[in-house]
Amino acid sequence: MTRFALHENEVAAKFNKRLVTAARVVDESSLPKATQELVKIRASQINGCGMCLDMHTKDAAHAGETAVRLAMVAAWKESTVFTEPERAALALTDEGTRLADGGAISEDTWALVRKNYDDDQIGALISLIATINAWNRLNVISGQLGGQYVPGQW
């Protein structure tokens, strides 16, 4: 059950609007859209955000992502369906999302990110990981539920 109506509260609605505006920089970047969705899905899996998982798996499928790749995001390390750049992005997502667990960004992960992305794409990737983690926290704390999202709804 939803604990708090984020979109109906003036303060939360203003914050959400600004977060959406800030995220446009990533949307307009050269970071591949498929990679962006994979990152959103992976962070949302780690954080247990049903609303974001619902949204981003449906958006990815709507954009042409395969069911196999969507199913394998949770076990990306044990999969052969992701490219080296996608694996780098997923590794950075895992490590960046788990910072509070005493983790860090490993030198191996950073080297892989550096090998596969230019500076603008890295800036977008870091910003995306920070943004999706913020969305996950907003939705999980306020009790937003997944299951009702329709692609293109927001």
Protein backbone atom coordinates (compact mmCIF):
# COMPACT_ATOMS: atom_id res chain seq x y z
CA MET A 1 0.00 0.00 0.00
CA THR A 2 1.23 3.49 -0.83
CA ARG A 3 2.33 5.33 2.32
CA PHE A 4 2.55 8.83 0.88
CA ALA A 5 1.22 10.44 -2.30
CA LEU A 6 4.41 11.95 -3.71
CA HIS A 7 2.67 13.55 -6.68
CA GLU A 8 -0.05 15.14 -4.57
CA ASN A 9 2.24 16.80 -2.02
CA GLU A 10 3.44 20.26 -3.05
CA VAL A 11 7.00 19.89 -1.74
CA ALA A 12 7.52 16.35 -3.06
CA ALA A 13 5.94 17.22 -6.41
CA LYS A 14 8.29 20.21 -6.84
CA PHE A 15 11.29 18.04 -5.97
CA ASN A 16 10.19 15.30 -8.40
CA LYS A 17 9.75 17.86 -11.16
CA ARG A 18 13.28 19.18 -10.62
CA LEU A 19 14.69 15.64 -10.56
CA VAL A 20 12.99 14.90 -13.89
CA THR A 21 14.46 18.11 -15.33
CA ALA A 22 17.95 17.24 -14.06
CA ALA A 23 17.70 13.75 -15.60
CA ARG A 24 17.10 15.20 -19.08
CA VAL A 25 20.84 15.84 -19.36
CA VAL A 26 21.39 12.08 -19.25
CA ASP A 27 18.48 11.39 -21.62
CA GLU A 28 20.03 13.78 -24.15
CA SER A 29 23.56 12.39 -23.76
CA SER A 30 25.37 9.94 -26.04
CA LEU A 31 25.12 7.16 -23.44
CA PRO A 32 23.17 4.46 -25.32
CA LYS A 33 19.48 4.32 -24.40
CA ALA A 34 19.63 0.53 -23.93
CA THR A 35 22.46 0.98 -21.43
CA GLN A 36 20.48 3.66 -19.62
CA GLU A 37 17.53 1.30 -19.15
CA LEU A 38 19.79 -1.59 -18.04
CA VAL A 39 21.33 0.66 -15.38
CA LYS A 40 17.91 1.79 -14.17
CA ILE A 41 16.69 -1.80 -13.98
CA ARG A 42 19.79 -3.07 -12.16
CA ALA A 43 19.81 -0.33 -9.50
CA SER A 44 16.06 -0.81 -9.00
CA GLN A 45 16.58 -4.56 -8.50
CA ILE A 46 19.26 -3.93 -5.88
CA ASN A 47 17.10 -1.34 -4.10
CA GLY A 48 13.87 -3.36 -4.30
CA CYS A 49 11.96 -0.61 -6.09
CA GLY A 50 8.91 -2.29 -7.64
CA MET A 51 7.63 0.90 -9.21
CA CYS A 52 10.92 1.62 -11.00
CA LEU A 53 11.33 -2.01 -12.07
CA ASP A 54 7.83 -1.98 -13.51
CA MET A 55 8.48 1.26 -15.37
CA HIS A 56 11.94 0.56 -16.72
CA THR A 57 11.44 -3.06 -17.75
CA LYS A 58 8.28 -2.06 -19.63
CA ASP A 59 9.99 0.97 -21.22
CA ALA A 60 12.97 -1.20 -22.25
CA ALA A 61 10.69 -3.86 -23.76
CA HIS A 62 8.67 -1.17 -25.52
CA ALA A 63 11.94 0.17 -27.00
CA GLY A 64 12.81 -3.30 -28.34
CA GLU A 65 14.86 -4.86 -25.55
CA THR A 66 14.61 -8.65 -25.59
CA ALA A 67 12.94 -10.70 -22.87
CA VAL A 68 16.12 -12.74 -22.42
CA ARG A 69 18.27 -9.68 -21.72
CA LEU A 70 15.65 -8.21 -19.37
CA ALA A 71 15.49 -11.49 -17.46
CA MET A 72 19.28 -11.72 -17.26
CA VAL A 73 19.91 -8.28 -15.75
CA ALA A 74 19.64 -9.74 -12.24
CA ALA A 75 22.38 -12.25 -13.09
CA TRP A 76 24.38 -10.15 -15.53
CA LYS A 77 27.74 -11.42 -14.21
CA GLU A 78 26.70 -14.99 -15.07
CA SER A 79 25.42 -14.08 -18.51
CA THR A 80 26.76 -13.82 -22.05
CA VAL A 81 24.05 -11.52 -23.42
CA PHE A 82 25.59 -8.17 -22.51
CA THR A 83 28.35 -6.33 -24.35
CA GLU A 84 31.58 -5.29 -22.65
CA PRO A 85 30.41 -1.65 -22.38
CA GLU A 86 27.09 -2.77 -20.87
CA ARG A 87 28.94 -5.01 -18.40
CA ALA A 88 31.09 -2.04 -17.39
CA ALA A 89 27.98 0.08 -16.81
CA LEU A 90 26.31 -2.71 -14.82
CA ALA A 91 29.42 -3.22 -12.68
CA LEU A 92 29.56 0.51 -11.92
CA THR A 93 25.84 0.44 -11.12
CA ASP A 94 26.28 -2.47 -8.71
CA GLU A 95 29.21 -0.87 -6.93
CA GLY A 96 27.77 2.66 -6.95
CA THR A 97 24.41 1.47 -5.64
CA ARG A 98 25.96 -0.57 -2.83
CA LEU A 99 28.17 2.19 -1.37
CA ALA A 100 26.21 2.18 1.88
CA ASP A 101 27.07 -1.51 2.32
CA GLY A 102 30.71 -0.55 2.78
CA GLY A 103 31.51 -0.99 -0.89
CA ALA A 104 33.59 1.12 -3.20
CA ILE A 105 34.25 1.52 -6.89
CA SER A 106 36.97 -0.99 -7.70
CA GLU A 107 39.92 -0.07 -9.89
CA ASP A 108 39.00 -2.94 -12.22
CA THR A 109 35.50 -1.57 -12.71
CA TRP A 110 36.78 1.95 -13.22
CA ALA A 111 39.32 0.74 -15.81
CA LEU A 112 36.55 -1.09 -17.68
CA VAL A 113 34.34 2.02 -17.62
CA ARG A 114 37.25 4.18 -18.85
CA LYS A 115 38.00 1.69 -21.64
CA ASN A 116 34.42 1.67 -22.94
CA TYR A 117 33.10 5.21 -22.47
CA ASP A 118 34.25 8.74 -23.21
CA ASP A 119 34.18 11.48 -20.57
CA ASP A 120 30.70 12.74 -21.50
CA GLN A 121 29.28 9.22 -21.36
CA ILE A 122 30.98 8.61 -18.00
CA GLY A 123 29.50 11.84 -16.68
CA ALA A 124 26.09 10.69 -17.88
CA LEU A 125 26.58 7.22 -16.39
CA ILE A 126 27.57 8.55 -12.96
CA SER A 127 24.67 11.02 -13.03
CA LEU A 128 22.25 8.28 -14.08
CA ILE A 129 23.32 5.97 -11.26
CA ALA A 130 22.89 8.79 -8.75
CA THR A 131 19.48 9.75 -10.18
CA ILE A 132 17.98 6.26 -10.31
CA ASN A 133 19.13 5.65 -6.75
CA ALA A 134 17.34 8.85 -5.72
CA TRP A 135 14.16 7.74 -7.51
CA ASN A 136 14.38 4.29 -5.92
CA ARG A 137 14.65 5.82 -2.48
CA LEU A 138 11.77 8.23 -3.04
CA ASN A 139 9.52 5.43 -4.25
CA VAL A 140 10.51 2.78 -1.69
CA ILE A 141 10.31 5.16 1.29
CA SER A 142 6.88 6.45 0.23
CA GLY A 143 5.62 2.95 -0.61
CA GLN A 144 4.97 3.38 -4.32
CA LEU A 145 3.96 0.07 -5.90
CA GLY A 146 4.75 -1.42 -9.28
CA GLY A 147 2.38 -3.09 -11.70
CA GLN A 148 0.27 -0.30 -13.12
CA TYR A 149 2.75 1.53 -15.36
CA VAL A 150 2.00 1.91 -19.06
CA PRO A 151 4.96 2.78 -21.35
CA GLY A 152 4.89 6.45 -22.31
CA GLN A 153 2.70 7.29 -19.33
CA TRP A 154 5.31 9.68 -17.85
